[in-house]
PDB file of all heavy atoms in Angstrom:
ATOM      1  N   LEU A   1       0.863  -1.182   0.000  1.00  0.00           N
ATOM      2  CA  LEU A   1       0.000   0.000   0.000  1.00  0.00           C
ATOM      3  C   LEU A   1       0.896   1.227   0.000  1.00  0.00           C
ATOM      4  O   LEU A   1       1.786   1.356   0.861  1.00  0.00           O
ATOM      5  CB  LEU A   1      -0.902   0.022   1.225  1.00  0.00           C
ATOM      6  CG  LEU A   1      -1.903   1.190   1.262  1.00  0.00           C
ATOM      7  CD1 LEU A   1      -2.945   1.042   0.161  1.00  0.00           C
ATOM      8  CD2 LEU A   1      -2.609   1.270   2.619  1.00  0.00           C
ATOM      9  N   LEU A   2       0.700   2.109  -0.965  1.00  0.00           N
ATOM     10  CA  LEU A   2       1.519   3.311  -1.069  1.00  0.00           C
ATOM     11  C   LEU A   2       0.625   4.500  -1.354  1.00  0.00           C
ATOM     12  O   LEU A   2      -0.536   4.349  -1.749  1.00  0.00           O
ATOM     13  CB  LEU A   2       2.535   3.166  -2.196  1.00  0.00           C
ATOM     14  CG  LEU A   2       1.927   3.117  -3.609  1.00  0.00           C
ATOM     15  CD1 LEU A   2       2.693   3.988  -4.570  1.00  0.00           C
ATOM     16  CD2 LEU A   2       1.879   1.683  -4.114  1.00  0.00           C
ATOM     17  N   GLY A   3       1.159   5.679  -1.163  1.00  0.00           N
ATOM     18  CA  GLY A   3       0.389   6.879  -1.471  1.00  0.00           C
ATOM     19  C   GLY A   3       0.831   8.054  -0.650  1.00  0.00           C
ATOM     20  O   GLY A   3       2.022   8.219  -0.352  1.00  0.00           O
ATOM     21  N   SER A   4      -0.143   8.867  -0.243  1.00  0.00           N
ATOM     22  CA  SER A   4       0.168  10.122   0.439  1.00  0.00           C
ATOM     23  C   SER A   4      -0.093  10.061   1.931  1.00  0.00           C
ATOM     24  O   SER A   4       0.218  11.011   2.656  1.00  0.00           O
ATOM     25  CB  SER A   4      -0.682  11.254  -0.170  1.00  0.00           C
ATOM     26  OG  SER A   4      -2.065  11.052   0.087  1.00  0.00           O
ATOM     27  N   MET A   5      -0.658   8.976   2.445  1.00  0.00           N
ATOM     28  CA  MET A   5      -1.151   8.934   3.818  1.00  0.00           C
ATOM     29  C   MET A   5      -0.066   8.610   4.824  1.00  0.00           C
ATOM     30  O   MET A   5       0.608   7.587   4.742  1.00  0.00           O
ATOM     31  CB  MET A   5      -2.269   7.900   3.946  1.00  0.00           C
ATOM     32  CG  MET A   5      -2.989   7.952   5.286  1.00  0.00           C
ATOM     33  SD  MET A   5      -4.194   6.617   5.457  1.00  0.00           S
ATOM     34  CE  MET A   5      -3.096   5.234   5.773  1.00  0.00           C
ATOM     35  N   ASN A   6       0.102   9.502   5.818  1.00  0.00           N
ATOM     36  CA  ASN A   6       0.936   9.201   6.976  1.00  0.00           C
ATOM     37  C   ASN A   6       0.098   8.444   8.008  1.00  0.00           C
ATOM     38  O   ASN A   6      -1.133   8.502   7.997  1.00  0.00           O
ATOM     39  CB  ASN A   6       1.469  10.494   7.600  1.00  0.00           C
ATOM     40  CG  ASN A   6       2.368  11.257   6.660  1.00  0.00           C
ATOM     41  OD1 ASN A   6       3.370  10.728   6.180  1.00  0.00           O
ATOM     42  ND2 ASN A   6       2.022  12.505   6.388  1.00  0.00           N
ATOM     43  N   LEU A   7       0.766   7.773   8.910  1.00  0.00           N
ATOM     44  CA  LEU A   7       0.054   7.040   9.956  1.00  0.00           C
ATOM     45  C   LEU A   7      -0.004   7.906  11.206  1.00  0.00           C
ATOM     46  O   LEU A   7       0.685   7.674  12.197  1.00  0.00           O
ATOM     47  CB  LEU A   7       0.740   5.707  10.220  1.00  0.00           C
ATOM     48  CG  LEU A   7       0.676   4.738   9.045  1.00  0.00           C
ATOM     49  CD1 LEU A   7       1.354   3.432   9.381  1.00  0.00           C
ATOM     50  CD2 LEU A   7      -0.762   4.490   8.614  1.00  0.00           C
ATOM     51  N   ASP A   8      -0.830   8.950  11.111  1.00  0.00           N
ATOM     52  CA  ASP A   8      -1.012   9.871  12.226  1.00  0.00           C
ATOM     53  C   ASP A   8      -2.440  10.403  12.198  1.00  0.00           C
ATOM     54  O   ASP A   8      -3.161  10.240  11.212  1.00  0.00           O
ATOM     55  CB  ASP A   8       0.019  10.997  12.177  1.00  0.00           C
ATOM     56  CG  ASP A   8      -0.139  11.905  10.964  1.00  0.00           C
ATOM     57  OD1 ASP A   8      -1.005  11.643  10.108  1.00  0.00           O
ATOM     58  OD2 ASP A   8       0.613  12.894  10.869  1.00  0.00           O
ATOM     59  N   PRO A   9      -2.885  11.054  13.274  1.00  0.00           N
ATOM     60  CA  PRO A   9      -4.276  11.539  13.325  1.00  0.00           C
ATOM     61  C   PRO A   9      -4.617  12.552  12.242  1.00  0.00           C
ATOM     62  O   PRO A   9      -5.761  12.599  11.783  1.00  0.00           O
ATOM     63  CB  PRO A   9      -4.370  12.160  14.726  1.00  0.00           C
ATOM     64  CG  PRO A   9      -3.344  11.441  15.529  1.00  0.00           C
ATOM     65  CD  PRO A   9      -2.214  11.188  14.572  1.00  0.00           C
ATOM     66  N   ARG A  10      -3.652  13.365  11.818  1.00  0.00           N
ATOM     67  CA  ARG A  10      -3.967  14.371  10.786  1.00  0.00           C
ATOM     68  C   ARG A  10      -4.379  13.694   9.492  1.00  0.00           C
ATOM     69  O   ARG A  10      -5.361  14.077   8.860  1.00  0.00           O
ATOM     70  CB  ARG A  10      -2.760  15.300  10.562  1.00  0.00           C
ATOM     71  CG  ARG A  10      -2.893  16.172   9.316  1.00  0.00           C
ATOM     72  CD  ARG A  10      -2.002  17.376   9.340  1.00  0.00           C
ATOM     73  NE  ARG A  10      -2.505  18.385  10.234  1.00  0.00           N
ATOM     74  CZ  ARG A  10      -3.469  19.246   9.928  1.00  0.00           C
ATOM     75  NH1 ARG A  10      -4.050  19.191   8.744  1.00  0.00           N
ATOM     76  NH2 ARG A  10      -3.879  20.132  10.791  1.00  0.00           N
ATOM     77  N   SER A  11      -3.637  12.696   9.061  1.00  0.00           N
ATOM     78  CA  SER A  11      -4.014  11.991   7.830  1.00  0.00           C
ATOM     79  C   SER A  11      -5.343  11.272   7.989  1.00  0.00           C
ATOM     80  O   SER A  11      -6.156  11.224   7.063  1.00  0.00           O
ATOM     81  CB  SER A  11      -2.919  10.992   7.437  1.00  0.00           C
ATOM     82  OG  SER A  11      -1.842  11.639   6.810  1.00  0.00           O
ATOM     83  N   ALA A  12      -5.582  10.718   9.166  1.00  0.00           N
ATOM     84  CA  ALA A  12      -6.805   9.947   9.375  1.00  0.00           C
ATOM     85  C   ALA A  12      -8.039  10.830   9.472  1.00  0.00           C
ATOM     86  O   ALA A  12      -9.106  10.470   8.967  1.00  0.00           O
ATOM     87  CB  ALA A  12      -6.672   9.099  10.641  1.00  0.00           C
ATOM     88  N   LEU A  13      -7.910  12.008  10.095  1.00  0.00           N
ATOM     89  CA  LEU A  13      -9.092  12.782  10.451  1.00  0.00           C
ATOM     90  C   LEU A  13      -9.248  14.094   9.703  1.00  0.00           C
ATOM     91  O   LEU A  13     -10.367  14.589   9.543  1.00  0.00           O
ATOM     92  CB  LEU A  13      -9.079  13.076  11.958  1.00  0.00           C
ATOM     93  CG  LEU A  13      -9.006  11.859  12.883  1.00  0.00           C
ATOM     94  CD1 LEU A  13      -8.849  12.306  14.324  1.00  0.00           C
ATOM     95  CD2 LEU A  13     -10.235  10.987  12.715  1.00  0.00           C
ATOM     96  N   LEU A  14      -8.144  14.701   9.250  1.00  0.00           N
ATOM     97  CA  LEU A  14      -8.211  16.072   8.737  1.00  0.00           C
ATOM     98  C   LEU A  14      -7.868  16.187   7.261  1.00  0.00           C
ATOM     99  O   LEU A  14      -8.591  16.823   6.494  1.00  0.00           O
ATOM    100  CB  LEU A  14      -7.282  16.978   9.556  1.00  0.00           C
ATOM    101  CG  LEU A  14      -7.639  17.114  11.041  1.00  0.00           C
ATOM    102  CD1 LEU A  14      -6.537  17.862  11.777  1.00  0.00           C
ATOM    103  CD2 LEU A  14      -8.975  17.796  11.226  1.00  0.00           C
ATOM    104  N   ASN A  15      -6.753  15.606   6.847  1.00  0.00           N
ATOM    105  CA  ASN A  15      -6.333  15.718   5.447  1.00  0.00           C
ATOM    106  C   ASN A  15      -7.087  14.727   4.569  1.00  0.00           C
ATOM    107  O   ASN A  15      -7.496  13.663   5.030  1.00  0.00           O
ATOM    108  CB  ASN A  15      -4.838  15.429   5.308  1.00  0.00           C
ATOM    109  CG  ASN A  15      -3.978  16.519   5.913  1.00  0.00           C
ATOM    110  OD1 ASN A  15      -4.448  17.616   6.194  1.00  0.00           O
ATOM    111  ND2 ASN A  15      -2.711  16.212   6.113  1.00  0.00           N
ATOM    112  N   THR A  16      -7.216  15.066   3.294  1.00  0.00           N
ATOM    113  CA  THR A  16      -7.624  14.051   2.323  1.00  0.00           C
ATOM    114  C   THR A  16      -6.360  13.366   1.803  1.00  0.00           C
ATOM    115  O   THR A  16      -5.296  13.977   1.713  1.00  0.00           O
ATOM    116  CB  THR A  16      -8.397  14.659   1.144  1.00  0.00           C
ATOM    117  OG1 THR A  16      -7.525  15.473   0.357  1.00  0.00           O
ATOM    118  CG2 THR A  16      -9.568  15.485   1.632  1.00  0.00           C
ATOM    119  N   GLU A  17      -6.494  12.089   1.465  1.00  0.00           N
ATOM    120  CA  GLU A  17      -5.340  11.287   1.058  1.00  0.00           C
ATOM    121  C   GLU A  17      -5.700  10.410  -0.136  1.00  0.00           C
ATOM    122  O   GLU A  17      -6.865  10.088  -0.368  1.00  0.00           O
ATOM    123  CB  GLU A  17      -4.859  10.398   2.211  1.00  0.00           C
ATOM    124  CG  GLU A  17      -4.571  11.119   3.521  1.00  0.00           C
ATOM    125  CD  GLU A  17      -3.299  11.951   3.510  1.00  0.00           C
ATOM    126  OE1 GLU A  17      -2.588  11.936   2.473  1.00  0.00           O
ATOM    127  OE2 GLU A  17      -3.002  12.600   4.522  1.00  0.00           O
ATOM    128  N   PHE A  18      -4.656  10.011  -0.870  1.00  0.00           N
ATOM    129  CA  PHE A  18      -4.799   9.139  -2.040  1.00  0.00           C
ATOM    130  C   PHE A  18      -3.853   7.958  -1.875  1.00  0.00           C
ATOM    131  O   PHE A  18      -2.711   8.112  -1.408  1.00  0.00           O
ATOM    132  CB  PHE A  18      -4.450   9.906  -3.316  1.00  0.00           C
ATOM    133  CG  PHE A  18      -4.456   9.050  -4.566  1.00  0.00           C
ATOM    134  CD1 PHE A  18      -5.626   8.863  -5.283  1.00  0.00           C
ATOM    135  CD2 PHE A  18      -3.301   8.429  -5.017  1.00  0.00           C
ATOM    136  CE1 PHE A  18      -5.647   8.068  -6.428  1.00  0.00           C
ATOM    137  CE2 PHE A  18      -3.300   7.635  -6.158  1.00  0.00           C
ATOM    138  CZ  PHE A  18      -4.494   7.457  -6.861  1.00  0.00           C
ATOM    139  N   GLY A  19      -4.301   6.759  -2.267  1.00  0.00           N
ATOM    140  CA  GLY A  19      -3.442   5.594  -2.147  1.00  0.00           C
ATOM    141  C   GLY A  19      -3.698   4.565  -3.234  1.00  0.00           C
ATOM    142  O   GLY A  19      -4.750   4.565  -3.889  1.00  0.00           O
ATOM    143  N   VAL A  20      -2.726   3.687  -3.429  1.00  0.00           N
ATOM    144  CA  VAL A  20      -2.830   2.578  -4.377  1.00  0.00           C
ATOM    145  C   VAL A  20      -2.464   1.293  -3.649  1.00  0.00           C
ATOM    146  O   VAL A  20      -1.439   1.231  -2.964  1.00  0.00           O
ATOM    147  CB  VAL A  20      -1.902   2.774  -5.592  1.00  0.00           C
ATOM    148  CG1 VAL A  20      -1.961   1.560  -6.513  1.00  0.00           C
ATOM    149  CG2 VAL A  20      -2.275   4.046  -6.360  1.00  0.00           C
ATOM    150  N   ARG A  21      -3.317   0.283  -3.793  1.00  0.00           N
ATOM    151  CA  ARG A  21      -3.063  -1.029  -3.198  1.00  0.00           C
ATOM    152  C   ARG A  21      -2.661  -1.991  -4.306  1.00  0.00           C
ATOM    153  O   ARG A  21      -3.343  -2.101  -5.329  1.00  0.00           O
ATOM    154  CB  ARG A  21      -4.324  -1.527  -2.491  1.00  0.00           C
ATOM    155  CG  ARG A  21      -4.133  -2.841  -1.739  1.00  0.00           C
ATOM    156  CD  ARG A  21      -5.422  -3.310  -1.082  1.00  0.00           C
ATOM    157  NE  ARG A  21      -6.387  -3.788  -2.069  1.00  0.00           N
ATOM    158  CZ  ARG A  21      -7.509  -3.170  -2.381  1.00  0.00           C
ATOM    159  NH1 ARG A  21      -7.809  -2.012  -1.815  1.00  0.00           N
ATOM    160  NH2 ARG A  21      -8.346  -3.685  -3.273  1.00  0.00           N
ATOM    161  N   VAL A  22      -1.548  -2.681  -4.113  1.00  0.00           N
ATOM    162  CA  VAL A  22      -1.004  -3.576  -5.140  1.00  0.00           C
ATOM    163  C   VAL A  22      -0.763  -4.955  -4.531  1.00  0.00           C
ATOM    164  O   VAL A  22      -0.226  -5.064  -3.421  1.00  0.00           O
ATOM    165  CB  VAL A  22       0.333  -3.030  -5.707  1.00  0.00           C
ATOM    166  CG1 VAL A  22       0.891  -3.978  -6.753  1.00  0.00           C
ATOM    167  CG2 VAL A  22       0.143  -1.632  -6.283  1.00  0.00           C
ATOM    168  N   ARG A  23      -1.147  -5.982  -5.260  1.00  0.00           N
ATOM    169  CA  ARG A  23      -0.823  -7.348  -4.842  1.00  0.00           C
ATOM    170  C   ARG A  23       0.262  -7.877  -5.760  1.00  0.00           C
ATOM    171  O   ARG A  23       0.013  -8.216  -6.912  1.00  0.00           O
ATOM    172  CB  ARG A  23      -2.059  -8.239  -4.919  1.00  0.00           C
ATOM    173  CG  ARG A  23      -1.798  -9.653  -4.414  1.00  0.00           C
ATOM    174  CD  ARG A  23      -3.069 -10.469  -4.362  1.00  0.00           C
ATOM    175  NE  ARG A  23      -2.845 -11.762  -3.715  1.00  0.00           N
ATOM    176  CZ  ARG A  23      -3.811 -12.631  -3.440  1.00  0.00           C
ATOM    177  NH1 ARG A  23      -5.069 -12.345  -3.777  1.00  0.00           N
ATOM    178  NH2 ARG A  23      -3.531 -13.783  -2.832  1.00  0.00           N
ATOM    179  N   SER A  24       1.495  -7.937  -5.244  1.00  0.00           N
ATOM    180  CA  SER A  24       2.617  -8.348  -6.089  1.00  0.00           C
ATOM    181  C   SER A  24       3.807  -8.769  -5.228  1.00  0.00           C
ATOM    182  O   SER A  24       4.419  -7.938  -4.545  1.00  0.00           O
ATOM    183  CB  SER A  24       3.037  -7.198  -7.018  1.00  0.00           C
ATOM    184  OG  SER A  24       4.243  -7.506  -7.687  1.00  0.00           O
ATOM    185  N   PHE A  25       4.148 -10.036  -5.286  1.00  0.00           N
ATOM    186  CA  PHE A  25       5.356 -10.514  -4.620  1.00  0.00           C
ATOM    187  C   PHE A  25       6.584  -9.869  -5.249  1.00  0.00           C
ATOM    188  O   PHE A  25       7.544  -9.509  -4.556  1.00  0.00           O
ATOM    189  CB  PHE A  25       5.434 -12.038  -4.720  1.00  0.00           C
ATOM    190  CG  PHE A  25       6.684 -12.626  -4.145  1.00  0.00           C
ATOM    191  CD1 PHE A  25       6.837 -12.781  -2.784  1.00  0.00           C
ATOM    192  CD2 PHE A  25       7.733 -13.026  -4.980  1.00  0.00           C
ATOM    193  CE1 PHE A  25       8.008 -13.318  -2.250  1.00  0.00           C
ATOM    194  CE2 PHE A  25       8.901 -13.567  -4.466  1.00  0.00           C
ATOM    195  CZ  PHE A  25       9.036 -13.717  -3.094  1.00  0.00           C
ATOM    196  N   GLU A  26       6.562  -9.699  -6.574  1.00  0.00           N
ATOM    197  CA  GLU A  26       7.717  -9.125  -7.272  1.00  0.00           C
ATOM    198  C   GLU A  26       7.979  -7.686  -6.819  1.00  0.00           C
ATOM    199  O   GLU A  26       9.124  -7.302  -6.580  1.00  0.00           O
ATOM    200  CB  GLU A  26       7.480  -9.163  -8.787  1.00  0.00           C
ATOM    201  CG  GLU A  26       8.673  -8.685  -9.606  1.00  0.00           C
ATOM    202  CD  GLU A  26       8.434  -8.756 -11.101  1.00  0.00           C
ATOM    203  OE1 GLU A  26       7.353  -9.217 -11.511  1.00  0.00           O
ATOM    204  OE2 GLU A  26       9.330  -8.354 -11.859  1.00  0.00           O
ATOM    205  N   LEU A  27       6.923  -6.888  -6.694  1.00  0.00           N
ATOM    206  CA  LEU A  27       7.099  -5.512  -6.235  1.00  0.00           C
ATOM    207  C   LEU A  27       7.596  -5.485  -4.796  1.00  0.00           C
ATOM    208  O   LEU A  27       8.494  -4.700  -4.449  1.00  0.00           O
ATOM    209  CB  LEU A  27       5.786  -4.737  -6.351  1.00  0.00           C
ATOM    210  CG  LEU A  27       5.800  -3.290  -5.840  1.00  0.00           C
ATOM    211  CD1 LEU A  27       6.811  -2.451  -6.599  1.00  0.00           C
ATOM    212  CD2 LEU A  27       4.415  -2.673  -5.932  1.00  0.00           C
ATOM    213  N   THR A  28       7.039  -6.330  -3.969  1.00  0.00           N
ATOM    214  CA  THR A  28       7.482  -6.389  -2.577  1.00  0.00           C
ATOM    215  C   THR A  28       8.962  -6.723  -2.487  1.00  0.00           C
ATOM    216  O   THR A  28       9.717  -6.104  -1.721  1.00  0.00           O
ATOM    217  CB  THR A  28       6.662  -7.435  -1.805  1.00  0.00           C
ATOM    218  OG1 THR A  28       5.284  -7.145  -1.925  1.00  0.00           O
ATOM    219  CG2 THR A  28       7.037  -7.434  -0.339  1.00  0.00           C
ATOM    220  N   GLN A  29       9.415  -7.695  -3.274  1.00  0.00           N
ATOM    221  CA  GLN A  29      10.824  -8.071  -3.246  1.00  0.00           C
ATOM    222  C   GLN A  29      11.706  -6.917  -3.722  1.00  0.00           C
ATOM    223  O   GLN A  29      12.792  -6.690  -3.176  1.00  0.00           O
ATOM    224  CB  GLN A  29      11.048  -9.306  -4.124  1.00  0.00           C
ATOM    225  CG  GLN A  29      10.449 -10.571  -3.562  1.00  0.00           C
ATOM    226  CD  GLN A  29      10.988 -10.893  -2.174  1.00  0.00           C
ATOM    227  OE1 GLN A  29      10.271 -10.816  -1.176  1.00  0.00           O
ATOM    228  NE2 GLN A  29      12.252 -11.235  -2.098  1.00  0.00           N
ATOM    229  N   ALA A  30      11.245  -6.176  -4.739  1.00  0.00           N
ATOM    230  CA  ALA A  30      12.017  -5.025  -5.222  1.00  0.00           C
ATOM    231  C   ALA A  30      12.171  -3.972  -4.129  1.00  0.00           C
ATOM    232  O   ALA A  30      13.247  -3.381  -3.967  1.00  0.00           O
ATOM    233  CB  ALA A  30      11.338  -4.423  -6.450  1.00  0.00           C
ATOM    234  N   LEU A  31      11.117  -3.762  -3.353  1.00  0.00           N
ATOM    235  CA  LEU A  31      11.179  -2.765  -2.284  1.00  0.00           C
ATOM    236  C   LEU A  31      12.043  -3.251  -1.128  1.00  0.00           C
ATOM    237  O   LEU A  31      12.791  -2.466  -0.526  1.00  0.00           O
ATOM    238  CB  LEU A  31       9.764  -2.444  -1.806  1.00  0.00           C
ATOM    239  CG  LEU A  31       8.867  -1.759  -2.833  1.00  0.00           C
ATOM    240  CD1 LEU A  31       7.461  -1.557  -2.290  1.00  0.00           C
ATOM    241  CD2 LEU A  31       9.449  -0.421  -3.248  1.00  0.00           C
ATOM    242  N   LEU A  32      11.946  -4.511  -0.795  1.00  0.00           N
ATOM    243  CA  LEU A  32      12.807  -5.059   0.250  1.00  0.00           C
ATOM    244  C   LEU A  32      14.269  -4.901  -0.118  1.00  0.00           C
ATOM    245  O   LEU A  32      15.120  -4.575   0.727  1.00  0.00           O
ATOM    246  CB  LEU A  32      12.477  -6.534   0.479  1.00  0.00           C
ATOM    247  CG  LEU A  32      11.132  -6.843   1.135  1.00  0.00           C
ATOM    248  CD1 LEU A  32      10.827  -8.334   1.057  1.00  0.00           C
ATOM    249  CD2 LEU A  32      11.108  -6.361   2.580  1.00  0.00           C
ATOM    250  N   PHE A  33      14.589  -5.095  -1.396  1.00  0.00           N
ATOM    251  CA  PHE A  33      15.966  -4.927  -1.863  1.00  0.00           C
ATOM    252  C   PHE A  33      16.371  -3.452  -1.860  1.00  0.00           C
ATOM    253  O   PHE A  33      17.447  -3.087  -1.349  1.00  0.00           O
ATOM    254  CB  PHE A  33      16.115  -5.497  -3.275  1.00  0.00           C
ATOM    255  CG  PHE A  33      17.383  -5.084  -3.968  1.00  0.00           C
ATOM    256  CD1 PHE A  33      18.596  -5.669  -3.628  1.00  0.00           C
ATOM    257  CD2 PHE A  33      17.373  -4.097  -4.952  1.00  0.00           C
ATOM    258  CE1 PHE A  33      19.776  -5.283  -4.256  1.00  0.00           C
ATOM    259  CE2 PHE A  33      18.538  -3.703  -5.582  1.00  0.00           C
ATOM    260  CZ  PHE A  33      19.741  -4.304  -5.231  1.00  0.00           C
ATOM    261  N   ALA A  34      15.526  -2.601  -2.409  1.00  0.00           N
ATOM    262  CA  ALA A  34      15.887  -1.197  -2.569  1.00  0.00           C
ATOM    263  C   ALA A  34      16.087  -0.501  -1.228  1.00  0.00           C
ATOM    264  O   ALA A  34      17.005   0.313  -1.069  1.00  0.00           O
ATOM    265  CB  ALA A  34      14.816  -0.471  -3.377  1.00  0.00           C
ATOM    266  N   TYR A  35      15.229  -0.789  -0.280  1.00  0.00           N
ATOM    267  CA  TYR A  35      15.308  -0.123   1.027  1.00  0.00           C
ATOM    268  C   TYR A  35      16.023  -0.968   2.077  1.00  0.00           C
ATOM    269  O   TYR A  35      16.026  -0.617   3.258  1.00  0.00           O
ATOM    270  CB  TYR A  35      13.899   0.233   1.510  1.00  0.00           C
ATOM    271  CG  TYR A  35      13.256   1.314   0.670  1.00  0.00           C
ATOM    272  CD1 TYR A  35      12.223   1.007  -0.208  1.00  0.00           C
ATOM    273  CD2 TYR A  35      13.687   2.633   0.731  1.00  0.00           C
ATOM    274  CE1 TYR A  35      11.633   1.984  -0.993  1.00  0.00           C
ATOM    275  CE2 TYR A  35      13.109   3.618  -0.051  1.00  0.00           C
ATOM    276  CZ  TYR A  35      12.083   3.287  -0.910  1.00  0.00           C
ATOM    277  OH  TYR A  35      11.507   4.264  -1.684  1.00  0.00           O
TER     278      TYR A  35
END
């Protein structure tokens, strides 16, 4: 899950946010490697 949302009360209650949910082992592995 990626996008603009922080895990804090402002993102949950005050700001509007956009996100994309992806199901992909390949993408997950790329991120584990990159970070």
